[in-house]
Every structure is written in structure tokens, then in C-alpha cells.
Amino acid sequence: NPKVIYFYYPLGSEVNLLPLAEELLKEEYSAEAAAP
């Protein structure tokens, strides 16, 4: 349950975590946010 998460933007064949970052951003900025 971290308050702050630092991601990276994938380059080439790196692991792509953008879908998770996007999901967490939507949580944070939605009216029904389940995020801290």
C-alpha cells in the first residue's frame, strides 16, 4: 500500500507496466477511488 510509486516508461523489449500505471492513475482520479 505505497503512497508513492515510481514507474518507468518501457523501451524496446522491456517489461511493459504501463497498463498497471494507467489502472492506478484511473483509481486515483476516479470518484470511487479505491486507492489510498
PDB file of all heavy atoms in Angstrom:
ATOM      1  N   ASN A   1       0.795  -1.225   0.000  1.00  0.00           N
ATOM      2  CA  ASN A   1       0.000   0.000   0.000  1.00  0.00           C
ATOM      3  C   ASN A   1       0.835   1.286   0.000  1.00  0.00           C
ATOM      4  O   ASN A   1       0.672   2.139   0.875  1.00  0.00           O
ATOM      5  CB  ASN A   1      -0.940  -0.023   1.210  1.00  0.00           C
ATOM      6  CG  ASN A   1      -2.152   0.840   0.989  1.00  0.00           C
ATOM      7  OD1 ASN A   1      -2.492   1.181  -0.142  1.00  0.00           O
ATOM      8  ND2 ASN A   1      -2.810   1.210   2.070  1.00  0.00           N
ATOM      9  N   PRO A   2       1.711   1.459  -0.996  1.00  0.00           N
ATOM     10  CA  PRO A   2       2.553   2.662  -1.013  1.00  0.00           C
ATOM     11  C   PRO A   2       1.761   3.906  -1.410  1.00  0.00           C
ATOM     12  O   PRO A   2       0.828   3.826  -2.206  1.00  0.00           O
ATOM     13  CB  PRO A   2       3.604   2.339  -2.079  1.00  0.00           C
ATOM     14  CG  PRO A   2       2.876   1.420  -3.013  1.00  0.00           C
ATOM     15  CD  PRO A   2       1.943   0.612  -2.159  1.00  0.00           C
ATOM     16  N   LYS A   3       2.137   5.031  -0.849  1.00  0.00           N
ATOM     17  CA  LYS A   3       1.511   6.310  -1.214  1.00  0.00           C
ATOM     18  C   LYS A   3       2.094   6.838  -2.522  1.00  0.00           C
ATOM     19  O   LYS A   3       1.435   7.582  -3.239  1.00  0.00           O
ATOM     20  CB  LYS A   3       1.750   7.348  -0.112  1.00  0.00           C
ATOM     21  CG  LYS A   3       0.946   7.114   1.131  1.00  0.00           C
ATOM     22  CD  LYS A   3      -0.430   7.684   0.941  1.00  0.00           C
ATOM     23  CE  LYS A   3      -1.173   7.755   2.263  1.00  0.00           C
ATOM     24  NZ  LYS A   3      -2.547   8.158   2.079  1.00  0.00           N
ATOM     25  N   VAL A   4       3.355   6.482  -2.802  1.00  0.00           N
ATOM     26  CA  VAL A   4       4.035   6.985  -3.990  1.00  0.00           C
ATOM     27  C   VAL A   4       4.682   5.801  -4.724  1.00  0.00           C
ATOM     28  O   VAL A   4       5.386   5.005  -4.109  1.00  0.00           O
ATOM     29  CB  VAL A   4       5.113   8.031  -3.624  1.00  0.00           C
ATOM     30  CG1 VAL A   4       5.815   8.551  -4.872  1.00  0.00           C
ATOM     31  CG2 VAL A   4       4.509   9.176  -2.825  1.00  0.00           C
ATOM     32  N   ILE A   5       4.412   5.705  -6.029  1.00  0.00           N
ATOM     33  CA  ILE A   5       5.008   4.644  -6.849  1.00  0.00           C
ATOM     34  C   ILE A   5       5.708   5.290  -8.038  1.00  0.00           C
ATOM     35  O   ILE A   5       5.112   6.091  -8.752  1.00  0.00           O
ATOM     36  CB  ILE A   5       3.952   3.648  -7.376  1.00  0.00           C
ATOM     37  CG1 ILE A   5       3.125   3.077  -6.225  1.00  0.00           C
ATOM     38  CG2 ILE A   5       4.644   2.518  -8.159  1.00  0.00           C
ATOM     39  CD1 ILE A   5       1.961   2.211  -6.680  1.00  0.00           C
ATOM     40  N   TYR A   6       6.975   4.944  -8.206  1.00  0.00           N
ATOM     41  CA  TYR A   6       7.747   5.405  -9.358  1.00  0.00           C
ATOM     42  C   TYR A   6       7.809   4.270 -10.373  1.00  0.00           C
ATOM     43  O   TYR A   6       8.331   3.195 -10.071  1.00  0.00           O
ATOM     44  CB  TYR A   6       9.172   5.775  -8.949  1.00  0.00           C
ATOM     45  CG  TYR A   6       9.319   6.981  -8.054  1.00  0.00           C
ATOM     46  CD1 TYR A   6      10.555   7.293  -7.513  1.00  0.00           C
ATOM     47  CD2 TYR A   6       8.251   7.813  -7.741  1.00  0.00           C
ATOM     48  CE1 TYR A   6      10.737   8.397  -6.697  1.00  0.00           C
ATOM     49  CE2 TYR A   6       8.417   8.923  -6.923  1.00  0.00           C
ATOM     50  CZ  TYR A   6       9.660   9.209  -6.398  1.00  0.00           C
ATOM     51  OH  TYR A   6       9.828  10.300  -5.583  1.00  0.00           O
ATOM     52  N   PHE A   7       7.280   4.517 -11.562  1.00  0.00           N
ATOM     53  CA  PHE A   7       7.342   3.559 -12.662  1.00  0.00           C
ATOM     54  C   PHE A   7       8.457   3.981 -13.624  1.00  0.00           C
ATOM     55  O   PHE A   7       9.145   4.970 -13.400  1.00  0.00           O
ATOM     56  CB  PHE A   7       6.003   3.525 -13.416  1.00  0.00           C
ATOM     57  CG  PHE A   7       4.934   2.718 -12.742  1.00  0.00           C
ATOM     58  CD1 PHE A   7       4.040   3.320 -11.870  1.00  0.00           C
ATOM     59  CD2 PHE A   7       4.801   1.359 -12.994  1.00  0.00           C
ATOM     60  CE1 PHE A   7       3.034   2.579 -11.248  1.00  0.00           C
ATOM     61  CE2 PHE A   7       3.807   0.617 -12.386  1.00  0.00           C
ATOM     62  CZ  PHE A   7       2.921   1.227 -11.511  1.00  0.00           C
ATOM     63  N   TYR A   8       8.606   3.234 -14.713  1.00  0.00           N
ATOM     64  CA  TYR A   8       9.484   3.628 -15.815  1.00  0.00           C
ATOM     65  C   TYR A   8       8.688   3.449 -17.093  1.00  0.00           C
ATOM     66  O   TYR A   8       7.735   2.664 -17.144  1.00  0.00           O
ATOM     67  CB  TYR A   8      10.767   2.777 -15.849  1.00  0.00           C
ATOM     68  CG  TYR A   8      10.513   1.310 -16.107  1.00  0.00           C
ATOM     69  CD1 TYR A   8      10.435   0.801 -17.405  1.00  0.00           C
ATOM     70  CD2 TYR A   8      10.311   0.422 -15.045  1.00  0.00           C
ATOM     71  CE1 TYR A   8      10.177  -0.542 -17.639  1.00  0.00           C
ATOM     72  CE2 TYR A   8      10.047  -0.915 -15.268  1.00  0.00           C
ATOM     73  CZ  TYR A   8       9.981  -1.393 -16.570  1.00  0.00           C
ATOM     74  OH  TYR A   8       9.703  -2.720 -16.793  1.00  0.00           O
ATOM     75  N   TYR A   9       9.061   4.182 -18.126  1.00  0.00           N
ATOM     76  CA  TYR A   9       8.394   4.046 -19.426  1.00  0.00           C
ATOM     77  C   TYR A   9       9.194   3.029 -20.228  1.00  0.00           C
ATOM     78  O   TYR A   9      10.390   3.218 -20.441  1.00  0.00           O
ATOM     79  CB  TYR A   9       8.365   5.399 -20.146  1.00  0.00           C
ATOM     80  CG  TYR A   9       7.214   5.531 -21.110  1.00  0.00           C
ATOM     81  CD1 TYR A   9       6.084   6.273 -20.769  1.00  0.00           C
ATOM     82  CD2 TYR A   9       7.238   4.910 -22.353  1.00  0.00           C
ATOM     83  CE1 TYR A   9       5.010   6.397 -21.642  1.00  0.00           C
ATOM     84  CE2 TYR A   9       6.172   5.021 -23.229  1.00  0.00           C
ATOM     85  CZ  TYR A   9       5.056   5.765 -22.868  1.00  0.00           C
ATOM     86  OH  TYR A   9       3.990   5.877 -23.733  1.00  0.00           O
ATOM     87  N   PRO A  10       8.566   1.923 -20.667  1.00  0.00           N
ATOM     88  CA  PRO A  10       9.337   0.848 -21.317  1.00  0.00           C
ATOM     89  C   PRO A  10       9.926   1.268 -22.655  1.00  0.00           C
ATOM     90  O   PRO A  10       9.342   2.045 -23.396  1.00  0.00           O
ATOM     91  CB  PRO A  10       8.294  -0.260 -21.502  1.00  0.00           C
ATOM     92  CG  PRO A  10       6.994   0.462 -21.584  1.00  0.00           C
ATOM     93  CD  PRO A  10       7.129   1.652 -20.666  1.00  0.00           C
ATOM     94  N   LEU A  11      11.086   0.723 -22.921  1.00  0.00           N
ATOM     95  CA  LEU A  11      11.777   0.970 -24.178  1.00  0.00           C
ATOM     96  C   LEU A  11      12.076  -0.383 -24.825  1.00  0.00           C
ATOM     97  O   LEU A  11      12.590  -1.293 -24.161  1.00  0.00           O
ATOM     98  CB  LEU A  11      13.080   1.734 -23.929  1.00  0.00           C
ATOM     99  CG  LEU A  11      13.886   2.118 -25.169  1.00  0.00           C
ATOM    100  CD1 LEU A  11      13.125   3.122 -26.028  1.00  0.00           C
ATOM    101  CD2 LEU A  11      15.233   2.709 -24.758  1.00  0.00           C
ATOM    102  N   GLY A  12      11.758  -0.511 -26.093  1.00  0.00           N
ATOM    103  CA  GLY A  12      12.066  -1.753 -26.810  1.00  0.00           C
ATOM    104  C   GLY A  12      11.367  -2.953 -26.203  1.00  0.00           C
ATOM    105  O   GLY A  12      10.147  -2.964 -26.028  1.00  0.00           O
ATOM    106  N   SER A  13      12.147  -3.954 -25.828  1.00  0.00           N
ATOM    107  CA  SER A  13      11.591  -5.221 -25.343  1.00  0.00           C
ATOM    108  C   SER A  13      11.481  -5.300 -23.821  1.00  0.00           C
ATOM    109  O   SER A  13      11.303  -6.380 -23.270  1.00  0.00           O
ATOM    110  CB  SER A  13      12.435  -6.385 -25.871  1.00  0.00           C
ATOM    111  OG  SER A  13      13.782  -6.257 -25.420  1.00  0.00           O
ATOM    112  N   GLU A  14      11.559  -4.155 -23.129  1.00  0.00           N
ATOM    113  CA  GLU A  14      11.424  -4.158 -21.669  1.00  0.00           C
ATOM    114  C   GLU A  14      10.016  -4.571 -21.243  1.00  0.00           C
ATOM    115  O   GLU A  14       9.053  -4.432 -22.002  1.00  0.00           O
ATOM    116  CB  GLU A  14      11.706  -2.763 -21.095  1.00  0.00           C
ATOM    117  CG  GLU A  14      13.158  -2.374 -21.121  1.00  0.00           C
ATOM    118  CD  GLU A  14      13.409  -0.999 -20.528  1.00  0.00           C
ATOM    119  OE1 GLU A  14      12.507  -0.124 -20.566  1.00  0.00           O
ATOM    120  OE2 GLU A  14      14.520  -0.791 -20.033  1.00  0.00           O
ATOM    121  N   VAL A  15       9.908  -5.036 -20.000  1.00  0.00           N
ATOM    122  CA  VAL A  15       8.605  -5.338 -19.410  1.00  0.00           C
ATOM    123  C   VAL A  15       7.742  -4.077 -19.478  1.00  0.00           C
ATOM    124  O   VAL A  15       8.183  -2.993 -19.085  1.00  0.00           O
ATOM    125  CB  VAL A  15       8.760  -5.786 -17.939  1.00  0.00           C
ATOM    126  CG1 VAL A  15       7.397  -5.941 -17.283  1.00  0.00           C
ATOM    127  CG2 VAL A  15       9.551  -7.082 -17.842  1.00  0.00           C
ATOM    128  N   ASN A  16       6.520  -4.226 -19.975  1.00  0.00           N
ATOM    129  CA  ASN A  16       5.606  -3.092 -20.117  1.00  0.00           C
ATOM    130  C   ASN A  16       4.634  -3.052 -18.941  1.00  0.00           C
ATOM    131  O   ASN A  16       3.725  -3.885 -18.852  1.00  0.00           O
ATOM    132  CB  ASN A  16       4.840  -3.203 -21.435  1.00  0.00           C
ATOM    133  CG  ASN A  16       3.880  -2.042 -21.633  1.00  0.00           C
ATOM    134  OD1 ASN A  16       3.844  -1.099 -20.850  1.00  0.00           O
ATOM    135  ND2 ASN A  16       3.086  -2.125 -22.674  1.00  0.00           N
ATOM    136  N   LEU A  17       4.825  -2.078 -18.066  1.00  0.00           N
ATOM    137  CA  LEU A  17       3.964  -1.916 -16.898  1.00  0.00           C
ATOM    138  C   LEU A  17       2.992  -0.751 -17.054  1.00  0.00           C
ATOM    139  O   LEU A  17       2.305  -0.386 -16.106  1.00  0.00           O
ATOM    140  CB  LEU A  17       4.834  -1.699 -15.646  1.00  0.00           C
ATOM    141  CG  LEU A  17       5.801  -2.839 -15.332  1.00  0.00           C
ATOM    142  CD1 LEU A  17       6.709  -2.455 -14.175  1.00  0.00           C
ATOM    143  CD2 LEU A  17       5.051  -4.118 -15.023  1.00  0.00           C
ATOM    144  N   LEU A  18       2.909  -0.182 -18.256  1.00  0.00           N
ATOM    145  CA  LEU A  18       2.013   0.959 -18.465  1.00  0.00           C
ATOM    146  C   LEU A  18       0.548   0.634 -18.174  1.00  0.00           C
ATOM    147  O   LEU A  18      -0.161   1.487 -17.617  1.00  0.00           O
ATOM    148  CB  LEU A  18       2.182   1.514 -19.879  1.00  0.00           C
ATOM    149  CG  LEU A  18       3.529   2.186 -20.179  1.00  0.00           C
ATOM    150  CD1 LEU A  18       3.557   2.685 -21.612  1.00  0.00           C
ATOM    151  CD2 LEU A  18       3.822   3.307 -19.200  1.00  0.00           C
ATOM    152  N   PRO A  19       0.054  -0.581 -18.503  1.00  0.00           N
ATOM    153  CA  PRO A  19      -1.338  -0.872 -18.159  1.00  0.00           C
ATOM    154  C   PRO A  19      -1.612  -0.763 -16.653  1.00  0.00           C
ATOM    155  O   PRO A  19      -2.659  -0.265 -16.241  1.00  0.00           O
ATOM    156  CB  PRO A  19      -1.553  -2.303 -18.663  1.00  0.00           C
ATOM    157  CG  PRO A  19      -0.570  -2.441 -19.788  1.00  0.00           C
ATOM    158  CD  PRO A  19       0.635  -1.651 -19.329  1.00  0.00           C
ATOM    159  N   LEU A  20      -0.659  -1.202 -15.824  1.00  0.00           N
ATOM    160  CA  LEU A  20      -0.839  -1.088 -14.376  1.00  0.00           C
ATOM    161  C   LEU A  20      -0.772   0.372 -13.936  1.00  0.00           C
ATOM    162  O   LEU A  20      -1.580   0.820 -13.117  1.00  0.00           O
ATOM    163  CB  LEU A  20       0.213  -1.915 -13.632  1.00  0.00           C
ATOM    164  CG  LEU A  20       0.164  -1.792 -12.100  1.00  0.00           C
ATOM    165  CD1 LEU A  20      -1.198  -2.203 -11.545  1.00  0.00           C
ATOM    166  CD2 LEU A  20       1.283  -2.609 -11.468  1.00  0.00           C
ATOM    167  N   ALA A  21       0.178   1.119 -14.476  1.00  0.00           N
ATOM    168  CA  ALA A  21       0.272   2.545 -14.133  1.00  0.00           C
ATOM    169  C   ALA A  21      -1.023   3.255 -14.488  1.00  0.00           C
ATOM    170  O   ALA A  21      -1.551   4.058 -13.701  1.00  0.00           O
ATOM    171  CB  ALA A  21       1.463   3.183 -14.853  1.00  0.00           C
ATOM    172  N   GLU A  22      -1.564   2.927 -15.665  1.00  0.00           N
ATOM    173  CA  GLU A  22      -2.812   3.554 -16.102  1.00  0.00           C
ATOM    174  C   GLU A  22      -3.968   3.175 -15.173  1.00  0.00           C
ATOM    175  O   GLU A  22      -4.792   4.017 -14.805  1.00  0.00           O
ATOM    176  CB  GLU A  22      -3.119   3.149 -17.537  1.00  0.00           C
ATOM    177  CG  GLU A  22      -4.317   3.864 -18.126  1.00  0.00           C
ATOM    178  CD  GLU A  22      -4.444   3.629 -19.614  1.00  0.00           C
ATOM    179  OE1 GLU A  22      -4.215   2.494 -20.075  1.00  0.00           O
ATOM    180  OE2 GLU A  22      -4.782   4.600 -20.313  1.00  0.00           O
ATOM    181  N   GLU A  23      -4.016   1.919 -14.785  1.00  0.00           N
ATOM    182  CA  GLU A  23      -5.067   1.452 -13.869  1.00  0.00           C
ATOM    183  C   GLU A  23      -4.982   2.194 -12.529  1.00  0.00           C
ATOM    184  O   GLU A  23      -6.003   2.649 -12.001  1.00  0.00           O
ATOM    185  CB  GLU A  23      -4.893  -0.057 -13.650  1.00  0.00           C
ATOM    186  CG  GLU A  23      -5.898  -0.688 -12.719  1.00  0.00           C
ATOM    187  CD  GLU A  23      -5.577  -2.154 -12.455  1.00  0.00           C
ATOM    188  OE1 GLU A  23      -5.006  -2.830 -13.336  1.00  0.00           O
ATOM    189  OE2 GLU A  23      -5.911  -2.619 -11.354  1.00  0.00           O
ATOM    190  N   LEU A  24      -3.785   2.338 -12.005  1.00  0.00           N
ATOM    191  CA  LEU A  24      -3.613   3.035 -10.730  1.00  0.00           C
ATOM    192  C   LEU A  24      -3.945   4.518 -10.853  1.00  0.00           C
ATOM    193  O   LEU A  24      -4.509   5.113  -9.931  1.00  0.00           O
ATOM    194  CB  LEU A  24      -2.186   2.837 -10.206  1.00  0.00           C
ATOM    195  CG  LEU A  24      -1.830   1.390  -9.819  1.00  0.00           C
ATOM    196  CD1 LEU A  24      -0.354   1.270  -9.477  1.00  0.00           C
ATOM    197  CD2 LEU A  24      -2.689   0.903  -8.665  1.00  0.00           C
ATOM    198  N   LEU A  25      -3.609   5.116 -11.989  1.00  0.00           N
ATOM    199  CA  LEU A  25      -3.972   6.520 -12.216  1.00  0.00           C
ATOM    200  C   LEU A  25      -5.486   6.684 -12.278  1.00  0.00           C
ATOM    201  O   LEU A  25      -6.034   7.631 -11.707  1.00  0.00           O
ATOM    202  CB  LEU A  25      -3.330   7.035 -13.504  1.00  0.00           C
ATOM    203  CG  LEU A  25      -1.851   7.378 -13.434  1.00  0.00           C
ATOM    204  CD1 LEU A  25      -1.271   7.551 -14.831  1.00  0.00           C
ATOM    205  CD2 LEU A  25      -1.622   8.625 -12.586  1.00  0.00           C
ATOM    206  N   LYS A  26      -6.178   5.776 -12.949  1.00  0.00           N
ATOM    207  CA  LYS A  26      -7.636   5.844 -13.039  1.00  0.00           C
ATOM    208  C   LYS A  26      -8.266   5.703 -11.661  1.00  0.00           C
ATOM    209  O   LYS A  26      -9.229   6.387 -11.334  1.00  0.00           O
ATOM    210  CB  LYS A  26      -8.168   4.770 -13.987  1.00  0.00           C
ATOM    211  CG  LYS A  26      -7.985   5.117 -15.446  1.00  0.00           C
ATOM    212  CD  LYS A  26      -8.528   4.031 -16.345  1.00  0.00           C
ATOM    213  CE  LYS A  26      -8.289   4.366 -17.802  1.00  0.00           C
ATOM    214  NZ  LYS A  26      -8.614   3.250 -18.694  1.00  0.00           N
ATOM    215  N   GLU A  27      -7.711   4.792 -10.852  1.00  0.00           N
ATOM    216  CA  GLU A  27      -8.194   4.620  -9.477  1.00  0.00           C
ATOM    217  C   GLU A  27      -8.066   5.923  -8.703  1.00  0.00           C
ATOM    218  O   GLU A  27      -8.975   6.363  -8.027  1.00  0.00           O
ATOM    219  CB  GLU A  27      -7.345   3.570  -8.748  1.00  0.00           C
ATOM    220  CG  GLU A  27      -7.908   2.213  -8.733  1.00  0.00           C
ATOM    221  CD  GLU A  27      -7.035   1.270  -7.936  1.00  0.00           C
ATOM    222  OE1 GLU A  27      -6.235   1.708  -7.088  1.00  0.00           O
ATOM    223  OE2 GLU A  27      -7.168   0.060  -8.172  1.00  0.00           O
ATOM    224  N   GLU A  28      -6.891   6.517  -8.843  1.00  0.00           N
ATOM    225  CA  GLU A  28      -6.593   7.730  -8.075  1.00  0.00           C
ATOM    226  C   GLU A  28      -7.521   8.871  -8.458  1.00  0.00           C
ATOM    227  O   GLU A  28      -7.931   9.650  -7.604  1.00  0.00           O
ATOM    228  CB  GLU A  28      -5.132   8.135  -8.293  1.00  0.00           C
ATOM    229  CG  GLU A  28      -4.716   9.396  -7.569  1.00  0.00           C
ATOM    230  CD  GLU A  28      -4.915   9.353  -6.073  1.00  0.00           C
ATOM    231  OE1 GLU A  28      -4.910   8.267  -5.469  1.00  0.00           O
ATOM    232  OE2 GLU A  28      -5.097  10.430  -5.488  1.00  0.00           O
ATOM    233  N   TYR A  29      -7.847   8.964  -9.728  1.00  0.00           N
ATOM    234  CA  TYR A  29      -8.613  10.121 -10.185  1.00  0.00           C
ATOM    235  C   TYR A  29     -10.080   9.813 -10.469  1.00  0.00           C
ATOM    236  O   TYR A  29     -10.774  10.620 -11.051  1.00  0.00           O
ATOM    237  CB  TYR A  29      -7.933  10.741 -11.420  1.00  0.00           C
ATOM    238  CG  TYR A  29      -6.606  11.331 -11.027  1.00  0.00           C
ATOM    239  CD1 TYR A  29      -5.428  10.651 -11.279  1.00  0.00           C
ATOM    240  CD2 TYR A  29      -6.547  12.534 -10.332  1.00  0.00           C
ATOM    241  CE1 TYR A  29      -4.204  11.168 -10.873  1.00  0.00           C
ATOM    242  CE2 TYR A  29      -5.333  13.055  -9.926  1.00  0.00           C
ATOM    243  CZ  TYR A  29      -4.170  12.375 -10.200  1.00  0.00           C
ATOM    244  OH  TYR A  29      -2.958  12.879  -9.784  1.00  0.00           O
ATOM    245  N   SER A  30     -10.558   8.653 -10.020  1.00  0.00           N
ATOM    246  CA  SER A  30     -11.981   8.352 -10.183  1.00  0.00           C
ATOM    247  C   SER A  30     -12.732   8.720  -8.910  1.00  0.00           C
ATOM    248  O   SER A  30     -12.158   8.795  -7.826  1.00  0.00           O
ATOM    249  CB  SER A  30     -12.184   6.864 -10.492  1.00  0.00           C
ATOM    250  OG  SER A  30     -11.949   6.084  -9.334  1.00  0.00           O
ATOM    251  N   ALA A  31     -14.032   8.922  -9.047  1.00  0.00           N
ATOM    252  CA  ALA A  31     -14.854   9.305  -7.898  1.00  0.00           C
ATOM    253  C   ALA A  31     -14.922   8.179  -6.871  1.00  0.00           C
ATOM    254  O   ALA A  31     -15.008   8.435  -5.673  1.00  0.00           O
ATOM    255  CB  ALA A  31     -16.255   9.681  -8.362  1.00  0.00           C
ATOM    256  N   GLU A  32     -14.876   6.934  -7.350  1.00  0.00           N
ATOM    257  CA  GLU A  32     -14.977   5.789  -6.427  1.00  0.00           C
ATOM    258  C   GLU A  32     -13.587   5.219  -6.127  1.00  0.00           C
ATOM    259  O   GLU A  32     -13.421   4.013  -5.991  1.00  0.00           O
ATOM    260  CB  GLU A  32     -15.825   4.661  -7.034  1.00  0.00           C
ATOM    261  CG  GLU A  32     -17.150   5.057  -7.613  1.00  0.00           C
ATOM    262  CD  GLU A  32     -17.059   5.574  -9.039  1.00  0.00           C
ATOM    263  OE1 GLU A  32     -16.276   5.036  -9.832  1.00  0.00           O
ATOM    264  OE2 GLU A  32     -17.775   6.541  -9.334  1.00  0.00           O
ATOM    265  N   ALA A  33     -12.603   6.054  -6.038  1.00  0.00           N
ATOM    266  CA  ALA A  33     -11.216   5.594  -5.911  1.00  0.00           C
ATOM    267  C   ALA A  33     -11.042   4.638  -4.738  1.00  0.00           C
ATOM    268  O   ALA A  33     -11.427   4.926  -3.625  1.00  0.00           O
ATOM    269  CB  ALA A  33     -10.281   6.774  -5.761  1.00  0.00           C
ATOM    270  N   ALA A  34     -10.438   3.482  -5.054  1.00  0.00           N
ATOM    271  CA  ALA A  34     -10.099   2.522  -4.011  1.00  0.00           C
ATOM    272  C   ALA A  34      -8.658   2.732  -3.570  1.00  0.00           C
ATOM    273  O   ALA A  34      -8.175   2.089  -2.661  1.00  0.00           O
ATOM    274  CB  ALA A  34     -10.275   1.104  -4.541  1.00  0.00           C
ATOM    275  N   ALA A  35      -7.968   3.632  -4.266  1.00  0.00           N
ATOM    276  CA  ALA A  35      -6.562   3.899  -3.947  1.00  0.00           C
ATOM    277  C   ALA A  35      -6.472   4.717  -2.673  1.00  0.00           C
ATOM    278  O   ALA A  35      -7.390   5.439  -2.318  1.00  0.00           O
ATOM    279  CB  ALA A  35      -5.916   4.666  -5.093  1.00  0.00           C
ATOM    280  N   PRO A  36      -5.341   4.604  -1.961  1.00  0.00           N
ATOM    281  CA  PRO A  36      -5.184   5.456  -0.778  1.00  0.00           C
ATOM    282  C   PRO A  36      -5.218   6.920  -1.199  1.00  0.00           C
ATOM    283  O   PRO A  36      -4.725   7.271  -2.267  1.00  0.00           O
ATOM    284  CB  PRO A  36      -3.813   5.058  -0.228  1.00  0.00           C
ATOM    285  CG  PRO A  36      -3.116   4.358  -1.328  1.00  0.00           C
ATOM    286  CD  PRO A  36      -4.167   3.787  -2.229  1.00  0.00           C
TER     287      PRO A  36
END
